Protein backbone atom coordinates (compact mmCIF):
# COMPACT_ATOMS: atom_id res chain seq x y z
CA UNK A 1 -17.73 11.98 -0.36
CA UNK A 2 -14.43 13.34 0.98
CA UNK A 3 -15.61 12.92 4.58
CA UNK A 4 -16.44 9.27 3.89
CA UNK A 5 -12.93 8.67 2.55
CA UNK A 6 -11.32 10.35 5.54
CA UNK A 7 -13.49 8.41 8.01
CA UNK A 8 -12.75 5.13 6.20
CA UNK A 9 -9.05 5.91 6.25
CA UNK A 10 -9.15 6.73 9.96
CA UNK A 11 -10.97 3.48 10.73
CA UNK A 12 -8.36 1.50 8.81
CA UNK A 13 -5.59 3.15 10.81
CA UNK A 14 -7.34 2.41 14.11
CA UNK A 15 -7.99 -1.19 13.11
CA UNK A 16 -4.39 -1.54 12.01
CA UNK A 17 -3.09 -0.12 15.27
CA UNK A 18 -5.20 -2.57 17.28
CA UNK A 19 -4.22 -5.46 15.03
CA UNK A 20 -0.52 -4.68 15.28
CA UNK A 21 -0.69 -4.36 19.07
CA UNK A 22 -2.78 -7.47 19.67
CA UNK A 23 -0.96 -9.74 17.25
CA UNK A 24 2.55 -8.34 17.19
CA UNK A 25 5.11 -10.24 15.13
CA UNK A 26 8.78 -9.20 15.09
CA UNK A 27 9.38 -6.84 12.12
CA UNK A 28 12.37 -8.87 10.87
CA UNK A 29 10.16 -11.92 10.40
CA UNK A 30 7.47 -9.89 8.67
CA UNK A 31 9.82 -8.27 6.17
CA UNK A 32 10.97 -11.58 4.69
CA UNK A 33 7.47 -13.02 4.62
CA UNK A 34 5.93 -9.92 3.01
CA UNK A 35 8.59 -9.89 0.33
CA UNK A 36 8.10 -13.56 -0.54
CA UNK A 37 4.30 -13.32 -0.60
CA UNK A 38 4.34 -10.18 -2.72
CA UNK A 39 6.79 -11.60 -5.26
CA UNK A 40 3.98 -12.61 -7.64
CA UNK A 41 2.61 -9.07 -7.64
CA UNK A 42 6.15 -7.76 -8.13
CA UNK A 43 6.63 -10.08 -11.14
CA UNK A 44 3.33 -8.91 -12.63
CA UNK A 45 4.30 -5.28 -12.12
CA UNK A 46 7.65 -5.89 -13.81
CA UNK A 47 5.83 -7.53 -16.73
CA UNK A 48 3.67 -4.41 -16.99
CA UNK A 49 6.53 -1.91 -16.68
CA UNK A 50 8.93 -3.62 -19.11
CA UNK A 51 7.11 -3.01 -22.43
CA UNK A 52 6.40 0.58 -21.40
CA UNK A 53 9.99 1.62 -20.89
CA UNK A 54 10.53 0.20 -17.42
CA UNK A 55 9.54 1.36 -13.99
CA UNK A 56 11.62 4.54 -14.27
CA UNK A 57 9.63 5.68 -17.31
CA UNK A 58 6.65 6.45 -15.06
CA UNK A 59 6.41 9.41 -12.68
CA UNK A 60 7.46 8.41 -9.18
CA UNK A 61 4.08 9.25 -7.65
CA UNK A 62 2.25 7.05 -10.19
CA UNK A 63 4.48 4.11 -9.30
CA UNK A 64 4.03 4.69 -5.57
CA UNK A 65 0.25 4.93 -5.85
CA UNK A 66 -0.11 1.89 -8.12
CA UNK A 67 2.17 -0.29 -6.03
CA UNK A 68 0.47 0.81 -2.81
CA UNK A 69 -2.90 -0.17 -4.26
CA UNK A 70 -1.76 -3.58 -5.46
CA UNK A 71 0.31 -4.54 -2.42
CA UNK A 72 -2.42 -3.30 -0.05
CA UNK A 73 -4.89 -5.47 -1.97
CA UNK A 74 -2.58 -8.47 -1.45
CA UNK A 75 -2.37 -7.68 2.26
CA UNK A 76 -6.13 -7.25 2.52
CA UNK A 77 -6.74 -10.63 0.91
CA UNK A 78 -4.36 -12.17 3.46
CA UNK A 79 -6.22 -10.36 6.28
CA UNK A 80 -3.15 -8.31 7.27
CA UNK A 81 -5.14 -5.24 8.17
CA UNK A 82 -2.30 -3.60 10.06
CA UNK A 83 -0.06 -3.79 7.01
CA UNK A 84 -2.85 -2.32 4.84
CA UNK A 85 -3.17 0.58 7.26
CA UNK A 86 0.61 1.13 7.21
CA UNK A 87 0.68 1.23 3.42
CA UNK A 88 -2.27 3.64 3.24
CA UNK A 89 -0.83 5.85 5.94
CA UNK A 90 2.48 6.03 4.09
CA UNK A 91 0.97 7.00 0.74
CA UNK A 92 -1.46 9.53 2.19
CA UNK A 93 1.31 11.04 4.32
CA UNK A 94 3.42 11.50 1.20
CA UNK A 95 0.47 12.66 -0.93
CA UNK A 96 -2.51 13.96 1.10
CA UNK A 97 -5.94 13.69 -0.51
CA UNK A 98 -6.03 17.48 -0.78
CA UNK A 99 -3.16 17.46 -3.29
CA UNK A 100 -4.06 17.93 -6.93
CA UNK A 101 -1.73 15.08 -7.84
CA UNK A 102 -4.57 12.60 -7.23
CA UNK A 103 -6.55 14.17 -10.06
CA UNK A 104 -3.84 14.20 -12.74
């Protein structure tokens, strides 16, 4: 099971690298567009956090993992595979699958 996850992750990174190289868009343009498109997800997250004491009431790694999942899902639905790979790479670099934090 772990090998399948690692292989899937590696394939996403490779696909993302190809996608970013073949269809490069200046990062400044992407940042504004990503923020605008993800504003609905951000509003929904704020609506979730607020009655539970706010975003700061949750452990930082929970917030990072949840937001990575939701924003990567948004990117996947918009077929931005390179951005999905970037998000996954960032979270798994910060918290490798071998860390016990994934099982808490």
